Amino acid sequence: MEPVAVPQPSQRRALVRRPARNLAEGLLTHIERTEVDPALAETQWRGYVAALAAEGWETIEVEPAPELPDSVFIEDAVIMFGDLAVVASPGAETRRGETAGAEAAVARLGIPVQHIDLPGTLDGGDVLKVGRTVYVGRSLRTNDEGIAALRNILAPRGYTVVAVPISRALHLKTAVTALPDGTVIGFPPLVDDPSVFERFLPVPEAHGTAVVVLDNRTVLMSSAAPRSAELFAQRGYRVVAVDISEFEKLEGCVTCLSVRVR
């Protein structure tokens, strides 16, 4: 399995988007709604951005969307493939207003853009890149037409798109992500079919499924999964832990809150 692509220090840029004032109204699918503290969420978002900056990442703030409660989850709006940005086609109609600001942000960086168009739907949270393999969750938010459209965009660039069934979590990257060496990690009760992945490492906590690869030896993850963090440390990785509890109440994770520009 090929390792996850890691930007060189001079290329370390990440898109982020400030939480909306109505964040607490965000959509839910697989968990029950609990009270979200908007002030704490803002503090946690700032901490997340600060953690990226402390690791040498330039953060670029996408224009806020104060009336779109899920807009902080910028990962769902645009996906990066090297020097190409693919603008998503959100599966939830109420989220379709989020893509314009994300597209404007990548356009300002001079990055070419392609689109997933309706009736195809595809959320960025359903896309996991491991080397030249792109796993795409077939979920409540991403349909077969969206996966086919992404395959058509990426095939000329040498990527292989693999559809993955997702029924136990909101997005593919709610259930699995990948360590820098390409090992896919996931909490077994959330993973429909681990055999899809060449190498799969089970983690002991639901919040341990998501890591953001910061460099070849460093991952950022939720502080709510200390046993998973220890597992990664035993494999030689340095772990940067952040508290994102208010976003986890909305089925968010560390990957949802940024888009790394490679």
C-alpha atoms as a PDB file:
ATOM      1  CA  MET A   1       0.000   0.000   0.000  1.00  0.00           C
ATOM      2  CA  GLU A   2       1.279   3.443  -0.896  1.00  0.00           C
ATOM      3  CA  PRO A   3       1.711   5.973   1.906  1.00  0.00           C
ATOM      4  CA  VAL A   4      -0.548   8.977   2.329  1.00  0.00           C
ATOM      5  CA  ALA A   5       0.721  12.012   0.385  1.00  0.00           C
ATOM      6  CA  VAL A   6       2.258  14.555   2.755  1.00  0.00           C
ATOM      7  CA  PRO A   7       2.933  18.135   1.627  1.00  0.00           C
ATOM      8  CA  GLN A   8       6.406  19.593   1.934  1.00  0.00           C
ATOM      9  CA  PRO A   9       6.714  22.355   4.563  1.00  0.00           C
ATOM     10  CA  SER A  10       6.545  25.119   1.942  1.00  0.00           C
ATOM     11  CA  GLN A  11       3.233  23.684   0.706  1.00  0.00           C
ATOM     12  CA  ARG A  12       1.503  23.321   4.055  1.00  0.00           C
ATOM     13  CA  ARG A  13      -1.721  25.256   3.661  1.00  0.00           C
ATOM     14  CA  ALA A  14      -5.114  24.335   5.061  1.00  0.00           C
ATOM     15  CA  LEU A  15      -8.567  25.784   4.416  1.00  0.00           C
ATOM     16  CA  VAL A  16     -10.723  26.320   7.504  1.00  0.00           C
ATOM     17  CA  ARG A  17     -14.121  27.938   8.063  1.00  0.00           C
ATOM     18  CA  ARG A  18     -15.419  29.654  11.174  1.00  0.00           C
ATOM     19  CA  PRO A  19     -18.431  28.037  12.920  1.00  0.00           C
ATOM     20  CA  ALA A  20     -21.817  29.489  12.014  1.00  0.00           C
ATOM     21  CA  ARG A  21     -23.923  31.207  14.660  1.00  0.00           C
ATOM     22  CA  ASN A  22     -26.525  28.442  14.318  1.00  0.00           C
ATOM     23  CA  LEU A  23     -24.016  25.581  14.550  1.00  0.00           C
ATOM     24  CA  ALA A  24     -26.227  23.759  17.050  1.00  0.00           C
ATOM     25  CA  GLU A  25     -28.851  23.245  14.294  1.00  0.00           C
ATOM     26  CA  GLY A  26     -26.493  21.077  12.225  1.00  0.00           C
ATOM     27  CA  LEU A  27     -27.802  17.871  10.677  1.00  0.00           C
ATOM     28  CA  LEU A  28     -27.628  14.524  12.487  1.00  0.00           C
ATOM     29  CA  THR A  29     -28.122  11.010  11.123  1.00  0.00           C
ATOM     30  CA  HIS A  30     -26.664   8.313  13.382  1.00  0.00           C
ATOM     31  CA  ILE A  31     -26.538   9.870  16.865  1.00  0.00           C
ATOM     32  CA  GLU A  32     -29.042  11.576  19.140  1.00  0.00           C
ATOM     33  CA  ARG A  33     -28.979  15.350  19.461  1.00  0.00           C
ATOM     34  CA  THR A  34     -27.378  16.771  22.604  1.00  0.00           C
ATOM     35  CA  GLU A  35     -26.876  20.386  23.571  1.00  0.00           C
ATOM     36  CA  VAL A  36     -24.046  22.170  21.759  1.00  0.00           C
ATOM     37  CA  ASP A  37     -22.275  25.090  23.437  1.00  0.00           C
ATOM     38  CA  PRO A  38     -21.582  27.639  20.636  1.00  0.00           C
ATOM     39  CA  ALA A  39     -19.064  29.610  22.708  1.00  0.00           C
ATOM     40  CA  LEU A  40     -17.105  26.464  23.557  1.00  0.00           C
ATOM     41  CA  ALA A  41     -17.269  25.374  19.921  1.00  0.00           C
ATOM     42  CA  GLU A  42     -15.721  28.686  18.860  1.00  0.00           C
ATOM     43  CA  THR A  43     -12.952  28.235  21.436  1.00  0.00           C
ATOM     44  CA  GLN A  44     -12.321  24.666  20.270  1.00  0.00           C
ATOM     45  CA  TRP A  45     -12.237  25.771  16.625  1.00  0.00           C
ATOM     46  CA  ARG A  46      -9.625  28.394  17.476  1.00  0.00           C
ATOM     47  CA  GLY A  47      -7.636  25.727  19.292  1.00  0.00           C
ATOM     48  CA  TYR A  48      -7.795  23.461  16.261  1.00  0.00           C
ATOM     49  CA  VAL A  49      -6.573  26.260  13.975  1.00  0.00           C
ATOM     50  CA  ALA A  50      -3.814  27.102  16.456  1.00  0.00           C
ATOM     51  CA  ALA A  51      -2.708  23.457  16.518  1.00  0.00           C
ATOM     52  CA  LEU A  52      -2.337  23.468  12.728  1.00  0.00           C
ATOM     53  CA  ALA A  53      -0.368  26.716  12.857  1.00  0.00           C
ATOM     54  CA  ALA A  54       1.903  25.380  15.595  1.00  0.00           C
ATOM     55  CA  GLU A  55       2.782  22.464  13.307  1.00  0.00           C
ATOM     56  CA  GLY A  56       3.811  24.782  10.480  1.00  0.00           C
ATOM     57  CA  TRP A  57       0.548  24.930   8.515  1.00  0.00           C
ATOM     58  CA  GLU A  58      -0.689  28.212   7.071  1.00  0.00           C
ATOM     59  CA  THR A  59      -4.438  28.371   7.651  1.00  0.00           C
ATOM     60  CA  ILE A  60      -6.585  30.123   5.050  1.00  0.00           C
ATOM     61  CA  GLU A  61     -10.037  31.092   6.253  1.00  0.00           C
ATOM     62  CA  VAL A  62     -12.874  30.504   3.808  1.00  0.00           C
ATOM     63  CA  GLU A  63     -15.526  33.219   3.871  1.00  0.00           C
ATOM     64  CA  PRO A  64     -17.884  32.409   6.764  1.00  0.00           C
ATOM     65  CA  ALA A  65     -21.427  31.227   6.063  1.00  0.00           C
ATOM     66  CA  PRO A  66     -23.185  32.384   9.227  1.00  0.00           C
ATOM     67  CA  GLU A  67     -26.609  30.996   8.256  1.00  0.00           C
ATOM     68  CA  LEU A  68     -25.385  27.516   7.239  1.00  0.00           C
ATOM     69  CA  PRO A  69     -25.003  25.454  10.427  1.00  0.00           C
ATOM     70  CA  ASP A  70     -22.803  22.697   8.956  1.00  0.00           C
ATOM     71  CA  SER A  71     -20.488  25.027   7.027  1.00  0.00           C
ATOM     72  CA  VAL A  72     -17.659  24.682   9.558  1.00  0.00           C
ATOM     73  CA  PHE A  73     -17.208  21.151   8.186  1.00  0.00           C
ATOM     74  CA  ILE A  74     -15.326  22.523   5.187  1.00  0.00           C
ATOM     75  CA  GLU A  75     -14.001  19.107   4.176  1.00  0.00           C
ATOM     76  CA  ASP A  76     -17.396  18.225   2.728  1.00  0.00           C
ATOM     77  CA  ALA A  77     -17.403  21.129   0.255  1.00  0.00           C
ATOM     78  CA  VAL A  78     -14.163  20.619  -1.686  1.00  0.00           C
ATOM     79  CA  ILE A  79     -11.612  17.820  -2.124  1.00  0.00           C
ATOM     80  CA  MET A  80      -7.983  18.276  -3.178  1.00  0.00           C
ATOM     81  CA  PHE A  81      -6.196  15.917  -5.573  1.00  0.00           C
ATOM     82  CA  GLY A  82      -2.696  17.301  -6.030  1.00  0.00           C
ATOM     83  CA  ASP A  83      -3.106  20.508  -8.028  1.00  0.00           C
ATOM     84  CA  LEU A  84      -6.818  19.911  -8.717  1.00  0.00           C
ATOM     85  CA  ALA A  85      -9.788  20.897  -6.549  1.00  0.00           C
ATOM     86  CA  VAL A  86     -13.041  18.969  -6.962  1.00  0.00           C
ATOM     87  CA  VAL A  87     -16.062  20.904  -5.740  1.00  0.00           C
ATOM     88  CA  ALA A  88     -18.493  18.535  -4.062  1.00  0.00           C
ATOM     89  CA  SER A  89     -22.222  18.086  -4.620  1.00  0.00           C
ATOM     90  CA  PRO A  90     -23.618  17.782  -1.089  1.00  0.00           C
ATOM     91  CA  GLY A  91     -26.087  15.000  -0.527  1.00  0.00           C
ATOM     92  CA  ALA A  92     -28.103  17.127   1.923  1.00  0.00           C
ATOM     93  CA  GLU A  93     -29.945  19.864   0.030  1.00  0.00           C
ATOM     94  CA  THR A  94     -29.571  22.277   2.943  1.00  0.00           C
ATOM     95  CA  ARG A  95     -25.768  22.099   2.601  1.00  0.00           C
ATOM     96  CA  ARG A  96     -25.514  22.965  -1.090  1.00  0.00           C
ATOM     97  CA  GLY A  97     -24.942  26.627  -0.337  1.00  0.00           C
ATOM     98  CA  GLU A  98     -21.601  25.760   1.292  1.00  0.00           C
ATOM     99  CA  THR A  99     -19.689  25.022  -1.899  1.00  0.00           C
ATOM    100  CA  ALA A 100     -19.545  28.510  -3.445  1.00  0.00           C
ATOM    101  CA  GLY A 101     -17.314  29.947  -0.733  1.00  0.00           C
ATOM    102  CA  ALA A 102     -15.011  26.927  -0.811  1.00  0.00           C
ATOM    103  CA  GLU A 103     -14.684  27.161  -4.589  1.00  0.00           C
ATOM    104  CA  ALA A 104     -13.895  30.882  -4.359  1.00  0.00           C
ATOM    105  CA  ALA A 105     -11.153  30.162  -1.817  1.00  0.00           C
ATOM    106  CA  VAL A 106      -9.352  27.607  -3.982  1.00  0.00           C
ATOM    107  CA  ALA A 107      -9.797  29.789  -7.073  1.00  0.00           C
ATOM    108  CA  ARG A 108      -8.019  32.640  -5.258  1.00  0.00           C
ATOM    109  CA  LEU A 109      -5.104  30.247  -4.754  1.00  0.00           C
ATOM    110  CA  GLY A 110      -4.967  29.662  -8.514  1.00  0.00           C
ATOM    111  CA  ILE A 111      -6.054  26.028  -8.249  1.00  0.00           C
ATOM    112  CA  PRO A 112      -7.979  24.520 -11.192  1.00  0.00           C
ATOM    113  CA  VAL A 113     -11.481  23.358 -10.326  1.00  0.00           C
ATOM    114  CA  GLN A 114     -13.821  20.627 -11.516  1.00  0.00           C
ATOM    115  CA  HIS A 115     -17.314  19.873 -10.226  1.00  0.00           C
ATOM    116  CA  ILE A 116     -19.526  16.976  -9.240  1.00  0.00           C
ATOM    117  CA  ASP A 117     -22.952  17.856 -10.648  1.00  0.00           C
ATOM    118  CA  LEU A 118     -26.458  16.709  -9.772  1.00  0.00           C
ATOM    119  CA  PRO A 119     -27.993  14.168  -9.897  1.00  0.00           C
ATOM    120  CA  GLY A 120     -24.626  12.988  -8.630  1.00  0.00           C
ATOM    121  CA  THR A 121     -24.065  13.689  -4.940  1.00  0.00           C
ATOM    122  CA  LEU A 122     -20.749  13.472  -3.137  1.00  0.00           C
ATOM    123  CA  ASP A 123     -19.576  14.822   0.234  1.00  0.00           C
ATOM    124  CA  GLY A 124     -15.867  15.321   0.814  1.00  0.00           C
ATOM    125  CA  GLY A 125     -16.139  13.417   4.073  1.00  0.00           C
ATOM    126  CA  ASP A 126     -16.779  10.296   2.029  1.00  0.00           C
ATOM    127  CA  VAL A 127     -13.423  10.540   0.225  1.00  0.00           C
ATOM    128  CA  LEU A 128     -10.260   8.923   1.632  1.00  0.00           C
ATOM    129  CA  LYS A 129      -7.039   9.146  -0.401  1.00  0.00           C
ATOM    130  CA  VAL A 130      -4.318   6.536   0.141  1.00  0.00           C
ATOM    131  CA  GLY A 131      -1.575   6.926  -2.439  1.00  0.00           C
ATOM    132  CA  ARG A 132      -3.213   6.686  -5.872  1.00  0.00           C
ATOM    133  CA  THR A 133      -6.231   4.853  -4.470  1.00  0.00           C
ATOM    134  CA  VAL A 134      -9.309   6.908  -3.638  1.00  0.00           C
ATOM    135  CA  TYR A 135     -11.837   5.174  -1.402  1.00  0.00           C
ATOM    136  CA  VAL A 136     -15.307   6.714  -1.672  1.00  0.00           C
ATOM    137  CA  GLY A 137     -18.102   5.887   0.729  1.00  0.00           C
ATOM    138  CA  ARG A 138     -21.451   5.003  -0.785  1.00  0.00           C
ATOM    139  CA  SER A 139     -23.447   6.615   1.999  1.00  0.00           C
ATOM    140  CA  LEU A 140     -26.607   8.599   2.699  1.00  0.00           C
ATOM    141  CA  ARG A 141     -24.788  11.644   1.289  1.00  0.00           C
ATOM    142  CA  THR A 142     -22.845  10.148  -1.666  1.00  0.00           C
ATOM    143  CA  ASN A 143     -24.553   8.204  -4.446  1.00  0.00           C
ATOM    144  CA  ASP A 144     -23.426   6.021  -7.348  1.00  0.00           C
ATOM    145  CA  GLU A 145     -23.694   8.901  -9.836  1.00  0.00           C
ATOM    146  CA  GLY A 146     -21.417  11.028  -7.679  1.00  0.00           C
ATOM    147  CA  ILE A 147     -18.863   8.234  -7.393  1.00  0.00           C
ATOM    148  CA  ALA A 148     -18.952   7.673 -11.159  1.00  0.00           C
ATOM    149  CA  ALA A 149     -18.459  11.388 -11.798  1.00  0.00           C
ATOM    150  CA  LEU A 150     -15.429  11.460  -9.498  1.00  0.00           C
ATOM    151  CA  ARG A 151     -14.017   8.367 -11.213  1.00  0.00           C
ATOM    152  CA  ASN A 152     -14.340  10.105 -14.592  1.00  0.00           C
ATOM    153  CA  ILE A 153     -12.494  13.161 -13.288  1.00  0.00           C
ATOM    154  CA  LEU A 154      -9.677  11.221 -11.635  1.00  0.00           C
ATOM    155  CA  ALA A 155      -9.021   8.336 -14.044  1.00  0.00           C
ATOM    156  CA  PRO A 156      -6.994  10.509 -16.471  1.00  0.00           C
ATOM    157  CA  ARG A 157      -4.857  11.563 -13.495  1.00  0.00           C
ATOM    158  CA  GLY A 158      -3.928   8.003 -12.596  1.00  0.00           C
ATOM    159  CA  TYR A 159      -6.180   7.498  -9.572  1.00  0.00           C
ATOM    160  CA  THR A 160      -8.202   4.365  -8.897  1.00  0.00           C
ATOM    161  CA  VAL A 161     -11.594   4.997  -7.291  1.00  0.00           C
ATOM    162  CA  VAL A 162     -12.944   2.243  -5.024  1.00  0.00           C
ATOM    163  CA  ALA A 163     -16.542   2.429  -3.768  1.00  0.00           C
ATOM    164  CA  VAL A 164     -16.975   1.453  -0.109  1.00  0.00           C
ATOM    165  CA  PRO A 165     -20.329   0.625   1.538  1.00  0.00           C
ATOM    166  CA  ILE A 166     -21.153   2.885   4.495  1.00  0.00           C
ATOM    167  CA  SER A 167     -24.253   2.248   6.589  1.00  0.00           C
ATOM    168  CA  ARG A 168     -23.086   2.601  10.199  1.00  0.00           C
ATOM    169  CA  ALA A 169     -21.694   6.155  10.140  1.00  0.00           C
ATOM    170  CA  LEU A 170     -22.402   9.477   8.452  1.00  0.00           C
ATOM    171  CA  HIS A 171     -19.359   9.460   6.168  1.00  0.00           C
ATOM    172  CA  LEU A 172     -16.538   7.116   5.234  1.00  0.00           C
ATOM    173  CA  LYS A 173     -14.087   9.270   7.205  1.00  0.00           C
ATOM    174  CA  THR A 174     -16.307   9.051  10.261  1.00  0.00           C
ATOM    175  CA  ALA A 175     -15.551   5.343  10.185  1.00  0.00           C
ATOM    176  CA  VAL A 176     -11.980   5.169   8.800  1.00  0.00           C
ATOM    177  CA  THR A 177      -8.980   7.312   7.909  1.00  0.00           C
ATOM    178  CA  ALA A 178      -5.357   6.408   7.213  1.00  0.00           C
ATOM    179  CA  LEU A 179      -2.009   6.760   8.975  1.00  0.00           C
ATOM    180  CA  PRO A 180       0.929   8.244   7.045  1.00  0.00           C
ATOM    181  CA  ASP A 181       2.163   4.772   6.013  1.00  0.00           C
ATOM    182  CA  GLY A 182      -1.177   4.026   4.344  1.00  0.00           C
ATOM    183  CA  THR A 183      -2.596   1.770   7.053  1.00  0.00           C
ATOM    184  CA  VAL A 184      -6.343   2.345   7.266  1.00  0.00           C
ATOM    185  CA  ILE A 185      -7.629   2.732  10.827  1.00  0.00           C
ATOM    186  CA  GLY A 186     -11.193   2.281  12.032  1.00  0.00           C
ATOM    187  CA  PHE A 187     -13.474   1.381  14.927  1.00  0.00           C
ATOM    188  CA  PRO A 188     -14.860  -2.044  13.886  1.00  0.00           C
ATOM    189  CA  PRO A 189     -18.519  -1.404  14.855  1.00  0.00           C
ATOM    190  CA  LEU A 190     -18.556   1.517  12.379  1.00  0.00           C
ATOM    191  CA  VAL A 191     -16.905  -0.308   9.464  1.00  0.00           C
ATOM    192  CA  ASP A 192     -19.121  -2.301   7.085  1.00  0.00           C
ATOM    193  CA  ASP A 193     -16.330  -4.255   5.356  1.00  0.00           C
ATOM    194  CA  PRO A 194     -12.709  -3.931   6.566  1.00  0.00           C
ATOM    195  CA  SER A 195     -11.557  -6.347   3.838  1.00  0.00           C
ATOM    196  CA  VAL A 196     -11.956  -3.554   1.277  1.00  0.00           C
ATOM    197  CA  PHE A 197      -8.705  -2.083   2.580  1.00  0.00           C
ATOM    198  CA  GLU A 198      -5.278  -3.565   1.906  1.00  0.00           C
ATOM    199  CA  ARG A 199      -4.160  -3.004   5.518  1.00  0.00           C
ATOM    200  CA  PHE A 200      -6.666  -2.368   8.301  1.00  0.00           C
ATOM    201  CA  LEU A 201      -5.860  -1.556  11.930  1.00  0.00           C
ATOM    202  CA  PRO A 202      -8.773  -1.629  14.399  1.00  0.00           C
ATOM    203  CA  VAL A 203      -8.802   1.122  17.011  1.00  0.00           C
ATOM    204  CA  PRO A 204     -10.411   0.803  20.456  1.00  0.00           C
ATOM    205  CA  GLU A 205     -12.516   3.991  20.457  1.00  0.00           C
ATOM    206  CA  ALA A 206     -15.072   5.528  18.081  1.00  0.00           C
ATOM    207  CA  HIS A 207     -13.337   8.904  18.229  1.00  0.00           C
ATOM    208  CA  GLY A 208     -10.013   7.249  17.386  1.00  0.00           C
ATOM    209  CA  THR A 209     -11.014   6.600  13.771  1.00  0.00           C
ATOM    210  CA  ALA A 210     -10.030  10.037  12.448  1.00  0.00           C
ATOM    211  CA  VAL A 211      -6.541  11.461  12.045  1.00  0.00           C
ATOM    212  CA  VAL A 212      -5.231  14.403  10.047  1.00  0.00           C
ATOM    213  CA  VAL A 213      -1.779  13.636   8.668  1.00  0.00           C
ATOM    214  CA  LEU A 214       0.463  16.626   9.442  1.00  0.00           C
ATOM    215  CA  ASP A 215       3.726  15.079   8.274  1.00  0.00           C
ATOM    216  CA  ASN A 216       5.251  11.639   7.837  1.00  0.00           C
ATOM    217  CA  ARG A 217       5.511  11.066  11.595  1.00  0.00           C
ATOM    218  CA  THR A 218       2.795  13.325  13.050  1.00  0.00           C
ATOM    219  CA  VAL A 219      -0.994  13.019  13.216  1.00  0.00           C
ATOM    220  CA  LEU A 220      -3.650  15.279  14.697  1.00  0.00           C
ATOM    221  CA  MET A 221      -6.597  13.605  16.402  1.00  0.00           C
ATOM    222  CA  SER A 222      -9.334  14.025  18.992  1.00  0.00           C
ATOM    223  CA  SER A 223      -8.359  14.123  22.650  1.00  0.00           C
ATOM    224  CA  ALA A 224     -11.425  11.923  23.299  1.00  0.00           C
ATOM    225  CA  ALA A 225      -9.524   8.799  22.179  1.00  0.00           C
ATOM    226  CA  PRO A 226      -6.479   8.387  24.454  1.00  0.00           C
ATOM    227  CA  ARG A 227      -6.164   4.624  23.954  1.00  0.00           C
ATOM    228  CA  SER A 228      -6.088   5.059  20.187  1.00  0.00           C
ATOM    229  CA  ALA A 229      -3.487   7.806  20.604  1.00  0.00           C
ATOM    230  CA  GLU A 230      -1.331   5.390  22.586  1.00  0.00           C
ATOM    231  CA  LEU A 231      -1.728   2.781  19.852  1.00  0.00           C
ATOM    232  CA  PHE A 232      -0.460   5.254  17.257  1.00  0.00           C
ATOM    233  CA  ALA A 233       2.406   6.317  19.527  1.00  0.00           C
ATOM    234  CA  GLN A 234       3.442   2.668  19.849  1.00  0.00           C
ATOM    235  CA  ARG A 235       3.689   2.600  16.052  1.00  0.00           C
ATOM    236  CA  GLY A 236       6.153   5.493  16.176  1.00  0.00           C
ATOM    237  CA  TYR A 237       3.862   8.424  15.499  1.00  0.00           C
ATOM    238  CA  ARG A 238       3.776  11.725  17.345  1.00  0.00           C
ATOM    239  CA  VAL A 239       0.197  12.598  18.259  1.00  0.00           C
ATOM    240  CA  VAL A 240      -1.209  16.122  18.506  1.00  0.00           C
ATOM    241  CA  ALA A 241      -4.508  15.927  20.404  1.00  0.00           C
ATOM    242  CA  VAL A 242      -7.247  18.578  20.271  1.00  0.00           C
ATOM    243  CA  ASP A 243     -10.581  18.857  22.051  1.00  0.00           C
ATOM    244  CA  ILE A 244     -13.431  19.020  19.505  1.00  0.00           C
ATOM    245  CA  SER A 245     -16.254  17.708  21.703  1.00  0.00           C
ATOM    246  CA  GLU A 246     -18.853  20.201  20.446  1.00  0.00           C
ATOM    247  CA  PHE A 247     -18.247  19.198  16.834  1.00  0.00           C
ATOM    248  CA  GLU A 248     -18.325  15.501  17.724  1.00  0.00           C
ATOM    249  CA  LYS A 249     -21.873  16.091  19.023  1.00  0.00           C
ATOM    250  CA  LEU A 250     -22.713  16.910  15.369  1.00  0.00           C
ATOM    251  CA  GLU A 251     -20.977  13.833  13.886  1.00  0.00           C
ATOM    252  CA  GLY A 252     -17.885  15.895  13.101  1.00  0.00           C
ATOM    253  CA  CYS A 253     -14.263  14.829  13.492  1.00  0.00           C
ATOM    254  CA  VAL A 254     -10.805  16.344  13.054  1.00  0.00           C
ATOM    255  CA  THR A 255     -10.738  15.775   9.296  1.00  0.00           C
ATOM    256  CA  CYS A 256     -14.033  17.635   8.790  1.00  0.00           C
ATOM    257  CA  LEU A 257     -12.667  20.946  10.040  1.00  0.00           C
ATOM    258  CA  SER A 258      -9.977  21.559   7.380  1.00  0.00           C
ATOM    259  CA  VAL A 259      -8.939  20.830   3.830  1.00  0.00           C
ATOM    260  CA  ARG A 260      -5.223  20.409   3.292  1.00  0.00           C
ATOM    261  CA  VAL A 261      -4.057  22.038   0.070  1.00  0.00           C
ATOM    262  CA  ARG A 262      -1.358  19.838  -1.453  1.00  0.00           C
END
